């Protein structure tokens, strides 16, 4: 069973990173986007360190969350923009 906490964090982190990346500005946007993704990864990994989930469960949650964010981003760009 994938970690729903990791899935939510990955969705939020990826969505925010995509928004920051497309927001314009200089090279600092890449640093900000990478920081958001790193924060989501580290917070998700806490689930393993605390013993609530195994690494594969957190990995599956991260993958599902990131895929969901990419899918919603693509759908939003195709239909809304």
N, C-alpha and C. Protein backbone atom coordinates (compact mmCIF):
# COMPACT_ATOMS: atom_id res chain seq x y z
N UNK A 1 0.85 -1.18 0.00
CA UNK A 1 0.00 0.00 0.00
C UNK A 1 0.89 1.24 0.00
N UNK A 2 0.79 2.08 -1.01
CA UNK A 2 1.61 3.30 -1.06
C UNK A 2 1.28 4.25 0.08
N UNK A 3 2.26 5.01 0.47
CA UNK A 3 2.06 6.00 1.52
C UNK A 3 1.26 7.18 0.97
N UNK A 4 0.11 7.42 1.55
CA UNK A 4 -0.71 8.55 1.09
C UNK A 4 -0.08 9.87 1.51
N UNK A 5 0.67 9.87 2.60
CA UNK A 5 1.37 11.10 3.00
C UNK A 5 2.44 11.45 1.96
N UNK A 6 3.21 10.46 1.53
CA UNK A 6 4.23 10.70 0.51
C UNK A 6 3.59 11.11 -0.81
N UNK A 7 2.45 10.50 -1.12
CA UNK A 7 1.75 10.84 -2.36
C UNK A 7 1.30 12.30 -2.34
N UNK A 8 0.74 12.73 -1.22
CA UNK A 8 0.28 14.11 -1.10
C UNK A 8 1.45 15.09 -1.16
N UNK A 9 2.53 14.76 -0.46
CA UNK A 9 3.71 15.63 -0.49
C UNK A 9 4.32 15.73 -1.88
N UNK A 10 4.38 14.61 -2.58
CA UNK A 10 4.93 14.62 -3.94
C UNK A 10 4.03 15.42 -4.88
N UNK A 11 2.72 15.27 -4.74
CA UNK A 11 1.80 16.04 -5.58
C UNK A 11 1.98 17.54 -5.32
N UNK A 12 1.99 17.91 -4.05
CA UNK A 12 2.13 19.31 -3.70
C UNK A 12 3.49 19.86 -4.13
N UNK A 13 4.55 19.10 -3.86
CA UNK A 13 5.88 19.55 -4.23
C UNK A 13 6.07 19.69 -5.73
N UNK A 14 5.58 18.72 -6.48
CA UNK A 14 5.72 18.77 -7.94
C UNK A 14 4.86 19.88 -8.55
N UNK A 15 3.65 20.05 -8.04
CA UNK A 15 2.78 21.12 -8.54
C UNK A 15 3.39 22.49 -8.26
N UNK A 16 3.89 22.68 -7.04
CA UNK A 16 4.52 23.96 -6.69
C UNK A 16 5.79 24.18 -7.50
N UNK A 17 6.58 23.13 -7.69
CA UNK A 17 7.81 23.25 -8.46
C UNK A 17 7.52 23.62 -9.91
N UNK A 18 6.50 23.01 -10.49
CA UNK A 18 6.13 23.36 -11.86
C UNK A 18 5.66 24.81 -11.97
N UNK A 19 4.90 25.25 -10.98
CA UNK A 19 4.43 26.64 -10.98
C UNK A 19 5.58 27.62 -10.85
N UNK A 20 6.52 27.31 -9.97
CA UNK A 20 7.69 28.18 -9.78
C UNK A 20 8.54 28.18 -11.05
N UNK A 21 8.74 27.00 -11.61
CA UNK A 21 9.58 26.88 -12.81
C UNK A 21 9.03 27.71 -13.97
N UNK A 22 7.72 27.72 -14.11
CA UNK A 22 7.10 28.47 -15.21
C UNK A 22 6.83 29.92 -14.87
N UNK A 23 7.09 30.32 -13.64
CA UNK A 23 6.76 31.66 -13.19
C UNK A 23 7.64 32.76 -13.74
N UNK A 24 8.68 32.42 -14.40
CA UNK A 24 9.58 33.44 -14.93
C UNK A 24 10.66 33.80 -13.93
N UNK A 25 11.53 34.67 -14.35
CA UNK A 25 12.63 35.06 -13.49
C UNK A 25 13.93 34.45 -13.96
N UNK A 26 14.93 34.58 -13.14
CA UNK A 26 16.26 34.12 -13.49
C UNK A 26 16.54 32.69 -13.04
N UNK A 27 17.81 32.38 -12.90
CA UNK A 27 18.21 31.03 -12.52
C UNK A 27 17.75 30.61 -11.12
N UNK A 28 17.38 31.59 -10.32
CA UNK A 28 16.93 31.24 -8.98
C UNK A 28 15.64 30.43 -8.99
N UNK A 29 14.90 30.48 -10.08
CA UNK A 29 13.67 29.67 -10.14
C UNK A 29 13.98 28.19 -10.19
N UNK A 30 15.09 27.82 -10.82
CA UNK A 30 15.49 26.41 -10.84
C UNK A 30 15.87 25.96 -9.43
N UNK A 31 16.56 26.82 -8.70
CA UNK A 31 16.95 26.49 -7.32
C UNK A 31 15.70 26.35 -6.45
N UNK A 32 14.76 27.25 -6.63
CA UNK A 32 13.52 27.20 -5.84
C UNK A 32 12.73 25.93 -6.16
N UNK A 33 12.61 25.59 -7.44
CA UNK A 33 11.87 24.39 -7.84
C UNK A 33 12.53 23.14 -7.29
N UNK A 34 13.85 23.08 -7.39
CA UNK A 34 14.58 21.92 -6.87
C UNK A 34 14.46 21.84 -5.35
N UNK A 35 14.45 22.98 -4.69
CA UNK A 35 14.29 23.01 -3.24
C UNK A 35 12.92 22.46 -2.82
N UNK A 36 11.89 22.81 -3.55
CA UNK A 36 10.55 22.31 -3.24
C UNK A 36 10.48 20.79 -3.40
N UNK A 37 11.08 20.28 -4.46
CA UNK A 37 11.09 18.83 -4.68
C UNK A 37 11.90 18.11 -3.61
N UNK A 38 13.03 18.72 -3.23
CA UNK A 38 13.87 18.12 -2.19
C UNK A 38 13.14 18.10 -0.85
N UNK A 39 12.44 19.17 -0.54
CA UNK A 39 11.68 19.22 0.71
C UNK A 39 10.61 18.13 0.75
N UNK A 40 9.90 17.95 -0.36
CA UNK A 40 8.88 16.90 -0.42
C UNK A 40 9.51 15.52 -0.23
N UNK A 41 10.67 15.31 -0.83
CA UNK A 41 11.35 14.03 -0.70
C UNK A 41 11.80 13.79 0.74
N UNK A 42 12.39 14.80 1.35
CA UNK A 42 12.87 14.64 2.73
C UNK A 42 11.72 14.43 3.73
N UNK A 43 10.66 15.19 3.56
CA UNK A 43 9.52 15.01 4.46
C UNK A 43 8.88 13.64 4.28
N UNK A 44 8.86 13.14 3.06
CA UNK A 44 8.32 11.81 2.81
C UNK A 44 9.21 10.74 3.44
N UNK A 45 10.51 10.94 3.37
CA UNK A 45 11.44 9.96 3.91
C UNK A 45 11.31 9.85 5.43
N UNK A 46 10.82 10.90 6.06
CA UNK A 46 10.58 10.83 7.51
C UNK A 46 9.62 9.72 7.86
N UNK A 47 8.71 9.39 6.97
CA UNK A 47 7.76 8.29 7.23
C UNK A 47 8.51 6.97 7.41
N UNK A 48 9.60 6.80 6.66
CA UNK A 48 10.41 5.59 6.79
C UNK A 48 11.22 5.66 8.08
N UNK A 49 11.84 6.80 8.33
CA UNK A 49 12.67 6.95 9.54
C UNK A 49 11.86 6.76 10.82
N UNK A 50 10.61 7.18 10.81
CA UNK A 50 9.75 7.03 11.98
C UNK A 50 9.14 5.64 12.08
N UNK A 51 9.33 4.82 11.05
CA UNK A 51 8.84 3.45 11.09
C UNK A 51 7.38 3.27 10.69
N UNK A 52 6.78 4.29 10.11
CA UNK A 52 5.38 4.19 9.71
C UNK A 52 5.20 3.48 8.38
N UNK A 53 6.23 3.55 7.51
CA UNK A 53 6.17 2.93 6.18
C UNK A 53 7.53 2.35 5.84
N UNK A 54 7.53 1.49 4.83
CA UNK A 54 8.78 0.98 4.29
C UNK A 54 9.21 1.87 3.13
N UNK A 55 10.47 1.75 2.73
CA UNK A 55 10.98 2.55 1.62
C UNK A 55 10.19 2.31 0.32
N UNK A 56 9.83 1.05 -0.03
CA UNK A 56 9.03 0.85 -1.23
C UNK A 56 7.66 1.51 -1.16
N UNK A 57 7.05 1.53 0.01
CA UNK A 57 5.75 2.18 0.15
C UNK A 57 5.87 3.68 -0.09
N UNK A 58 6.89 4.28 0.48
CA UNK A 58 7.11 5.72 0.29
C UNK A 58 7.49 6.01 -1.17
N UNK A 59 8.32 5.16 -1.74
CA UNK A 59 8.69 5.33 -3.16
C UNK A 59 7.48 5.26 -4.08
N UNK A 60 6.59 4.31 -3.80
CA UNK A 60 5.37 4.20 -4.61
C UNK A 60 4.49 5.43 -4.44
N UNK A 61 4.38 5.92 -3.21
CA UNK A 61 3.60 7.13 -2.97
C UNK A 61 4.19 8.34 -3.69
N UNK A 62 5.51 8.46 -3.64
CA UNK A 62 6.16 9.57 -4.34
C UNK A 62 5.93 9.50 -5.85
N UNK A 63 6.05 8.29 -6.39
CA UNK A 63 5.84 8.13 -7.84
C UNK A 63 4.40 8.45 -8.24
N UNK A 64 3.44 7.96 -7.46
CA UNK A 64 2.04 8.23 -7.78
C UNK A 64 1.72 9.72 -7.66
N UNK A 65 2.23 10.36 -6.62
CA UNK A 65 1.98 11.79 -6.43
C UNK A 65 2.58 12.64 -7.54
N UNK A 66 3.82 12.33 -7.92
CA UNK A 66 4.47 13.09 -8.99
C UNK A 66 3.78 12.85 -10.33
N UNK A 67 3.36 11.60 -10.57
CA UNK A 67 2.65 11.30 -11.82
C UNK A 67 1.30 12.02 -11.86
N UNK A 68 0.63 12.05 -10.73
CA UNK A 68 -0.65 12.77 -10.66
C UNK A 68 -0.47 14.26 -10.92
N UNK A 69 0.57 14.84 -10.35
CA UNK A 69 0.84 16.27 -10.57
C UNK A 69 1.16 16.54 -12.03
N UNK A 70 1.96 15.67 -12.64
CA UNK A 70 2.30 15.85 -14.06
C UNK A 70 1.05 15.70 -14.93
N UNK A 71 0.20 14.74 -14.59
CA UNK A 71 -1.03 14.55 -15.36
C UNK A 71 -1.98 15.72 -15.26
N UNK A 72 -2.18 16.22 -14.05
CA UNK A 72 -3.06 17.37 -13.87
C UNK A 72 -2.48 18.62 -14.52
N UNK A 73 -1.17 18.76 -14.47
CA UNK A 73 -0.53 19.90 -15.11
C UNK A 73 -0.73 19.85 -16.62
N UNK A 74 -0.53 18.67 -17.19
CA UNK A 74 -0.72 18.51 -18.64
C UNK A 74 -2.18 18.74 -19.03
N UNK A 75 -3.10 18.20 -18.24
CA UNK A 75 -4.52 18.38 -18.54
C UNK A 75 -4.91 19.85 -18.42
N UNK A 76 -4.43 20.50 -17.39
CA UNK A 76 -4.74 21.91 -17.22
C UNK A 76 -4.22 22.78 -18.34
N UNK A 77 -3.02 22.45 -18.81
CA UNK A 77 -2.45 23.23 -19.91
C UNK A 77 -3.18 22.95 -21.23
N UNK A 78 -3.63 21.72 -21.41
CA UNK A 78 -4.31 21.36 -22.65
C UNK A 78 -5.71 21.95 -22.72
N UNK A 79 -6.40 21.99 -21.60
CA UNK A 79 -7.81 22.41 -21.62
C UNK A 79 -8.03 23.85 -21.17
N UNK A 80 -7.22 24.32 -20.23
CA UNK A 80 -7.49 25.64 -19.65
C UNK A 80 -6.65 26.74 -20.29
N UNK A 81 -5.51 26.39 -20.79
CA UNK A 81 -4.63 27.46 -21.30
C UNK A 81 -4.57 27.40 -22.79
